[in-house]
Amino acid sequence: MIKIKSKKGYLIALESVAMTDIVMNMFIFFFISFSLIYTFSPTIVSRISVNLPKASSAVALEGSEKVIIAISGEGEYFINDDRVKAGDLKKALRARLSDNPDISLLLKIDGAAQFGRVAKALDAINELNISRVSVAAVKGE
């Protein structure tokens, strides 16, 4: 008896591979999109930890374009989360305001910051003729 071998070809279905590829591309797209949305969100004010003093009449600052100057308790200056040396504060502010001179400025001062550091920041703001300045505070009870 002779065995006849049949050629059984297996038909490979590639539909699942294509669907997996599409789903993976969608994951990558959404991860990158949400990361960029979070990074450039105007609701993220600042990541610098500053213990703001309490005030009885604190109100929220409105408007989308603002420069934030933070003075930490250790006396470090930050402009929009970028550390700035004390001697370069005015130059860095001038560079930030060169694109839009009518931009508003928010001054966040830690309650433990020395007044000399605050005076230096206010002096730089005054020399650059910045008129739209707000000081951050937490509404007290």
Foldseek 3Di string as FASTA:
>chain_A
DDDDDDDDDDDDDCPVVVVVVVVVVVVVVVVVVVVVCVVPPLVCQADDDAAFAADADFDDDDDRFEWEWEQHLVGWIDIRHHTDDLVCLLVVVCVVCVVPVQHAYEYEYHPNHDVVSVVSNVVSCVVSVRDRYHYDHHHDD
